[in-house]
């Protein structure tokens, strides 16, 4: 069954966006992925290995550069979530201040148990938001994972973030949501 996934994904990716054909293929991919389901952590590990990011099997506090990279990525994604919820607010000033702190502040000492706890809380809150918004988080995560793996080959920027290469195919989250019954055009109120 897992042998079908790459072919089915290729058919889906080749189908024009915003079409019934792509939506049908998106549903088929999601169903097959549900049946073979690697865990989300296994998918992230696959991404890290593909892009030569560190993968550790023992709880470890990484070096300062890795701590800064993870802090930058978490802040970037958090502000993208807020911008999606509050699109009329100008986030630039706050974002630039947070970037400055992440770059200028002294790292550590990192309290690994506290950090692990807060990351779990953050994951719990983001998953709870998906539940309240009524979408299958796993299907969206699978689509974002597919897009992230298409970055492979472009390397990293000077700060360690994965670059999008010529083969990058952005995540089509709207198709995933449509496959779950979303009609489109709704906004958060």
C-alpha atoms as a PDB file:
ATOM      1  CA  UNK A   1       0.000   0.000   0.000  1.00  0.00           C
ATOM      2  CA  UNK A   2       2.842   2.420   0.790  1.00  0.00           C
ATOM      3  CA  UNK A   3       4.177   1.826  -2.747  1.00  0.00           C
ATOM      4  CA  UNK A   4       1.075   3.579  -4.106  1.00  0.00           C
ATOM      5  CA  UNK A   5       1.615   6.780  -2.137  1.00  0.00           C
ATOM      6  CA  UNK A   6       4.372   8.349  -4.280  1.00  0.00           C
ATOM      7  CA  UNK A   7       2.410   7.738  -7.505  1.00  0.00           C
ATOM      8  CA  UNK A   8      -0.830   8.991  -6.013  1.00  0.00           C
ATOM      9  CA  UNK A   9       0.918  12.069  -4.611  1.00  0.00           C
ATOM     10  CA  UNK A  10       2.485  12.760  -8.036  1.00  0.00           C
ATOM     11  CA  UNK A  11      -0.939  12.545  -9.704  1.00  0.00           C
ATOM     12  CA  UNK A  12      -2.395  14.887  -7.080  1.00  0.00           C
ATOM     13  CA  UNK A  13       0.485  17.358  -7.453  1.00  0.00           C
ATOM     14  CA  UNK A  14       0.123  17.350 -11.240  1.00  0.00           C
ATOM     15  CA  UNK A  15      -3.613  18.050 -11.093  1.00  0.00           C
ATOM     16  CA  UNK A  16      -4.618  21.706 -11.446  1.00  0.00           C
ATOM     17  CA  UNK A  17      -5.329  23.494  -8.160  1.00  0.00           C
ATOM     18  CA  UNK A  18      -8.933  24.247  -7.153  1.00  0.00           C
ATOM     19  CA  UNK A  19     -10.392  21.389  -9.217  1.00  0.00           C
ATOM     20  CA  UNK A  20     -12.601  18.436  -8.328  1.00  0.00           C
ATOM     21  CA  UNK A  21      -9.902  16.098  -9.671  1.00  0.00           C
ATOM     22  CA  UNK A  22      -7.286  17.486  -7.277  1.00  0.00           C
ATOM     23  CA  UNK A  23      -9.752  17.392  -4.375  1.00  0.00           C
ATOM     24  CA  UNK A  24     -10.554  13.717  -5.122  1.00  0.00           C
ATOM     25  CA  UNK A  25      -6.848  12.857  -5.309  1.00  0.00           C
ATOM     26  CA  UNK A  26      -6.194  14.806  -2.106  1.00  0.00           C
ATOM     27  CA  UNK A  27      -8.875  12.761  -0.330  1.00  0.00           C
ATOM     28  CA  UNK A  28      -7.382   9.521  -1.681  1.00  0.00           C
ATOM     29  CA  UNK A  29      -3.865  10.484  -0.532  1.00  0.00           C
ATOM     30  CA  UNK A  30      -5.183  11.469   2.902  1.00  0.00           C
ATOM     31  CA  UNK A  31      -7.019   8.152   3.273  1.00  0.00           C
ATOM     32  CA  UNK A  32      -3.984   6.115   2.246  1.00  0.00           C
ATOM     33  CA  UNK A  33      -1.725   8.156   4.529  1.00  0.00           C
ATOM     34  CA  UNK A  34      -4.147   7.533   7.402  1.00  0.00           C
ATOM     35  CA  UNK A  35      -3.775   3.793   6.862  1.00  0.00           C
ATOM     36  CA  UNK A  36       0.037   3.748   6.815  1.00  0.00           C
ATOM     37  CA  UNK A  37       0.535   6.701   9.175  1.00  0.00           C
ATOM     38  CA  UNK A  38       4.049   7.330  10.431  1.00  0.00           C
ATOM     39  CA  UNK A  39       3.902   9.453  13.547  1.00  0.00           C
ATOM     40  CA  UNK A  40       4.339  13.190  13.157  1.00  0.00           C
ATOM     41  CA  UNK A  41       7.646  12.988  15.029  1.00  0.00           C
ATOM     42  CA  UNK A  42       8.815  10.330  12.539  1.00  0.00           C
ATOM     43  CA  UNK A  43       7.916  12.694   9.677  1.00  0.00           C
ATOM     44  CA  UNK A  44       9.819  15.580  11.293  1.00  0.00           C
ATOM     45  CA  UNK A  45      12.802  13.259  11.839  1.00  0.00           C
ATOM     46  CA  UNK A  46      12.659  12.334   8.138  1.00  0.00           C
ATOM     47  CA  UNK A  47      12.715  16.052   7.249  1.00  0.00           C
ATOM     48  CA  UNK A  48      15.640  16.710   9.603  1.00  0.00           C
ATOM     49  CA  UNK A  49      17.640  13.830   8.137  1.00  0.00           C
ATOM     50  CA  UNK A  50      16.853  14.857   4.550  1.00  0.00           C
ATOM     51  CA  UNK A  51      18.095  18.403   5.208  1.00  0.00           C
ATOM     52  CA  UNK A  52      20.973  17.385   7.480  1.00  0.00           C
ATOM     53  CA  UNK A  53      19.509  18.974  10.614  1.00  0.00           C
ATOM     54  CA  UNK A  54      20.511  17.390  13.923  1.00  0.00           C
ATOM     55  CA  UNK A  55      18.546  14.353  15.100  1.00  0.00           C
ATOM     56  CA  UNK A  56      19.169  13.184  18.648  1.00  0.00           C
ATOM     57  CA  UNK A  57      17.876  10.117  20.500  1.00  0.00           C
ATOM     58  CA  UNK A  58      18.703  11.390  23.998  1.00  0.00           C
ATOM     59  CA  UNK A  59      17.403  14.599  25.610  1.00  0.00           C
ATOM     60  CA  UNK A  60      20.155  17.158  24.985  1.00  0.00           C
ATOM     61  CA  UNK A  61      20.601  20.914  25.200  1.00  0.00           C
ATOM     62  CA  UNK A  62      22.060  21.904  21.813  1.00  0.00           C
ATOM     63  CA  UNK A  63      24.654  24.610  21.175  1.00  0.00           C
ATOM     64  CA  UNK A  64      23.740  28.304  21.112  1.00  0.00           C
ATOM     65  CA  UNK A  65      23.336  28.439  17.310  1.00  0.00           C
ATOM     66  CA  UNK A  66      20.812  25.598  17.370  1.00  0.00           C
ATOM     67  CA  UNK A  67      18.919  27.185  20.279  1.00  0.00           C
ATOM     68  CA  UNK A  68      18.705  30.481  18.352  1.00  0.00           C
ATOM     69  CA  UNK A  69      17.551  28.708  15.177  1.00  0.00           C
ATOM     70  CA  UNK A  70      14.774  26.862  17.005  1.00  0.00           C
ATOM     71  CA  UNK A  71      13.738  30.089  18.788  1.00  0.00           C
ATOM     72  CA  UNK A  72      13.639  31.965  15.447  1.00  0.00           C
ATOM     73  CA  UNK A  73      11.535  29.259  13.823  1.00  0.00           C
ATOM     74  CA  UNK A  74       9.085  29.061  16.730  1.00  0.00           C
ATOM     75  CA  UNK A  75       8.717  32.860  16.807  1.00  0.00           C
ATOM     76  CA  UNK A  76       8.285  33.031  13.019  1.00  0.00           C
ATOM     77  CA  UNK A  77       5.536  30.418  13.012  1.00  0.00           C
ATOM     78  CA  UNK A  78       3.831  31.946  16.059  1.00  0.00           C
ATOM     79  CA  UNK A  79       3.662  35.343  14.350  1.00  0.00           C
ATOM     80  CA  UNK A  80       2.349  33.735  11.143  1.00  0.00           C
ATOM     81  CA  UNK A  81      -0.454  32.156  13.206  1.00  0.00           C
ATOM     82  CA  UNK A  82      -1.263  35.527  14.788  1.00  0.00           C
ATOM     83  CA  UNK A  83      -1.175  37.261  11.390  1.00  0.00           C
ATOM     84  CA  UNK A  84      -3.674  34.691  10.039  1.00  0.00           C
ATOM     85  CA  UNK A  85      -5.982  35.404  12.991  1.00  0.00           C
ATOM     86  CA  UNK A  86      -5.464  39.184  13.069  1.00  0.00           C
ATOM     87  CA  UNK A  87      -4.551  40.096   9.472  1.00  0.00           C
ATOM     88  CA  UNK A  88      -5.235  43.825   9.827  1.00  0.00           C
ATOM     89  CA  UNK A  89      -2.701  44.301  12.628  1.00  0.00           C
ATOM     90  CA  UNK A  90       0.802  45.425  11.663  1.00  0.00           C
ATOM     91  CA  UNK A  91       3.052  42.830  13.289  1.00  0.00           C
ATOM     92  CA  UNK A  92       6.345  44.136  11.831  1.00  0.00           C
ATOM     93  CA  UNK A  93       7.462  46.176  14.862  1.00  0.00           C
ATOM     94  CA  UNK A  94       6.828  43.340  17.315  1.00  0.00           C
ATOM     95  CA  UNK A  95       8.424  40.758  15.018  1.00  0.00           C
ATOM     96  CA  UNK A  96      11.568  42.867  14.594  1.00  0.00           C
ATOM     97  CA  UNK A  97      11.869  43.284  18.382  1.00  0.00           C
ATOM     98  CA  UNK A  98      11.541  39.541  18.955  1.00  0.00           C
ATOM     99  CA  UNK A  99      14.133  38.852  16.226  1.00  0.00           C
ATOM    100  CA  UNK A 100      16.492  41.293  17.943  1.00  0.00           C
ATOM    101  CA  UNK A 101      16.081  39.563  21.306  1.00  0.00           C
ATOM    102  CA  UNK A 102      16.660  36.114  19.784  1.00  0.00           C
ATOM    103  CA  UNK A 103      19.848  37.323  18.092  1.00  0.00           C
ATOM    104  CA  UNK A 104      21.222  39.554  20.858  1.00  0.00           C
ATOM    105  CA  UNK A 105      20.286  37.864  24.123  1.00  0.00           C
ATOM    106  CA  UNK A 106      22.629  35.482  25.857  1.00  0.00           C
ATOM    107  CA  UNK A 107      21.463  31.867  25.493  1.00  0.00           C
ATOM    108  CA  UNK A 108      20.907  29.817  28.602  1.00  0.00           C
ATOM    109  CA  UNK A 109      21.236  28.217  30.805  1.00  0.00           C
ATOM    110  CA  UNK A 110      18.490  26.229  29.072  1.00  0.00           C
ATOM    111  CA  UNK A 111      16.160  24.420  31.498  1.00  0.00           C
ATOM    112  CA  UNK A 112      15.473  21.342  29.376  1.00  0.00           C
ATOM    113  CA  UNK A 113      12.574  19.929  31.472  1.00  0.00           C
ATOM    114  CA  UNK A 114      10.837  23.344  31.476  1.00  0.00           C
ATOM    115  CA  UNK A 115      11.447  23.769  27.730  1.00  0.00           C
ATOM    116  CA  UNK A 116      10.073  20.280  26.999  1.00  0.00           C
ATOM    117  CA  UNK A 117       7.002  21.069  29.120  1.00  0.00           C
ATOM    118  CA  UNK A 118       6.359  24.376  27.335  1.00  0.00           C
ATOM    119  CA  UNK A 119       6.817  22.776  23.905  1.00  0.00           C
ATOM    120  CA  UNK A 120       4.259  20.127  24.899  1.00  0.00           C
ATOM    121  CA  UNK A 121       1.879  22.868  26.064  1.00  0.00           C
ATOM    122  CA  UNK A 122       2.403  24.728  22.774  1.00  0.00           C
ATOM    123  CA  UNK A 123       1.650  21.561  20.801  1.00  0.00           C
ATOM    124  CA  UNK A 124      -1.432  20.939  22.967  1.00  0.00           C
ATOM    125  CA  UNK A 125      -2.717  24.472  22.325  1.00  0.00           C
ATOM    126  CA  UNK A 126      -2.094  24.314  18.571  1.00  0.00           C
ATOM    127  CA  UNK A 127      -3.805  20.912  18.339  1.00  0.00           C
ATOM    128  CA  UNK A 128      -6.699  22.253  20.415  1.00  0.00           C
ATOM    129  CA  UNK A 129      -7.025  25.126  17.958  1.00  0.00           C
ATOM    130  CA  UNK A 130      -7.264  22.622  15.083  1.00  0.00           C
ATOM    131  CA  UNK A 131      -9.971  20.765  17.024  1.00  0.00           C
ATOM    132  CA  UNK A 132     -11.931  23.996  17.592  1.00  0.00           C
ATOM    133  CA  UNK A 133     -11.581  24.954  13.921  1.00  0.00           C
ATOM    134  CA  UNK A 134     -12.886  21.510  12.946  1.00  0.00           C
ATOM    135  CA  UNK A 135     -10.148  20.204  10.696  1.00  0.00           C
ATOM    136  CA  UNK A 136      -8.149  16.983  10.727  1.00  0.00           C
ATOM    137  CA  UNK A 137      -4.765  18.261  11.856  1.00  0.00           C
ATOM    138  CA  UNK A 138      -3.012  15.086  10.678  1.00  0.00           C
ATOM    139  CA  UNK A 139      -4.071  15.608   7.047  1.00  0.00           C
ATOM    140  CA  UNK A 140      -2.815  19.211   7.139  1.00  0.00           C
ATOM    141  CA  UNK A 141       0.447  18.094   8.769  1.00  0.00           C
ATOM    142  CA  UNK A 142       0.899  15.478   6.026  1.00  0.00           C
ATOM    143  CA  UNK A 143       0.449  18.140   3.325  1.00  0.00           C
ATOM    144  CA  UNK A 144       2.893  20.522   5.019  1.00  0.00           C
ATOM    145  CA  UNK A 145       5.356  17.630   5.441  1.00  0.00           C
ATOM    146  CA  UNK A 146       5.100  16.858   1.721  1.00  0.00           C
ATOM    147  CA  UNK A 147       5.815  20.497   0.890  1.00  0.00           C
ATOM    148  CA  UNK A 148       8.707  20.664   3.363  1.00  0.00           C
ATOM    149  CA  UNK A 149      10.346  17.600   1.821  1.00  0.00           C
ATOM    150  CA  UNK A 150      10.142  19.263  -1.598  1.00  0.00           C
ATOM    151  CA  UNK A 151      12.615  21.873  -0.264  1.00  0.00           C
ATOM    152  CA  UNK A 152      15.323  19.215  -0.397  1.00  0.00           C
ATOM    153  CA  UNK A 153      18.415  20.152  -2.385  1.00  0.00           C
ATOM    154  CA  UNK A 154      18.483  23.930  -1.878  1.00  0.00           C
ATOM    155  CA  UNK A 155      20.500  23.835   1.335  1.00  0.00           C
ATOM    156  CA  UNK A 156      20.199  26.227   4.254  1.00  0.00           C
ATOM    157  CA  UNK A 157      20.595  29.964   4.701  1.00  0.00           C
ATOM    158  CA  UNK A 158      23.396  31.485   6.800  1.00  0.00           C
ATOM    159  CA  UNK A 159      21.300  31.034   9.945  1.00  0.00           C
ATOM    160  CA  UNK A 160      20.489  27.367   9.301  1.00  0.00           C
ATOM    161  CA  UNK A 161      16.926  27.623   7.955  1.00  0.00           C
ATOM    162  CA  UNK A 162      16.000  25.326   5.036  1.00  0.00           C
ATOM    163  CA  UNK A 163      15.793  27.141   1.698  1.00  0.00           C
ATOM    164  CA  UNK A 164      13.112  26.483  -0.923  1.00  0.00           C
ATOM    165  CA  UNK A 165      14.697  25.093  -4.070  1.00  0.00           C
ATOM    166  CA  UNK A 166      13.458  24.918  -7.641  1.00  0.00           C
ATOM    167  CA  UNK A 167      11.547  21.700  -6.899  1.00  0.00           C
ATOM    168  CA  UNK A 168       9.590  23.255  -4.025  1.00  0.00           C
ATOM    169  CA  UNK A 169       5.834  22.719  -4.298  1.00  0.00           C
ATOM    170  CA  UNK A 170       3.933  24.760  -1.674  1.00  0.00           C
ATOM    171  CA  UNK A 171       1.452  23.094   0.632  1.00  0.00           C
ATOM    172  CA  UNK A 172      -2.091  23.129  -0.749  1.00  0.00           C
ATOM    173  CA  UNK A 173      -3.843  23.323   2.607  1.00  0.00           C
ATOM    174  CA  UNK A 174      -7.023  24.699   1.009  1.00  0.00           C
ATOM    175  CA  UNK A 175      -7.402  21.444  -0.964  1.00  0.00           C
ATOM    176  CA  UNK A 176      -6.923  19.418   2.220  1.00  0.00           C
ATOM    177  CA  UNK A 177      -9.583  21.489   3.998  1.00  0.00           C
ATOM    178  CA  UNK A 178     -11.961  21.196   1.011  1.00  0.00           C
ATOM    179  CA  UNK A 179     -11.472  17.414   1.131  1.00  0.00           C
ATOM    180  CA  UNK A 180     -12.715  17.616   4.740  1.00  0.00           C
ATOM    181  CA  UNK A 181     -15.850  19.545   3.746  1.00  0.00           C
ATOM    182  CA  UNK A 182     -14.695  23.163   3.954  1.00  0.00           C
ATOM    183  CA  UNK A 183     -16.510  25.303   1.415  1.00  0.00           C
ATOM    184  CA  UNK A 184     -14.037  28.203   1.445  1.00  0.00           C
ATOM    185  CA  UNK A 185     -14.599  31.879   1.848  1.00  0.00           C
ATOM    186  CA  UNK A 186     -15.013  31.739   5.621  1.00  0.00           C
ATOM    187  CA  UNK A 187     -12.956  33.927   7.862  1.00  0.00           C
ATOM    188  CA  UNK A 188     -12.277  33.697  11.572  1.00  0.00           C
ATOM    189  CA  UNK A 189     -14.672  35.946  13.415  1.00  0.00           C
END
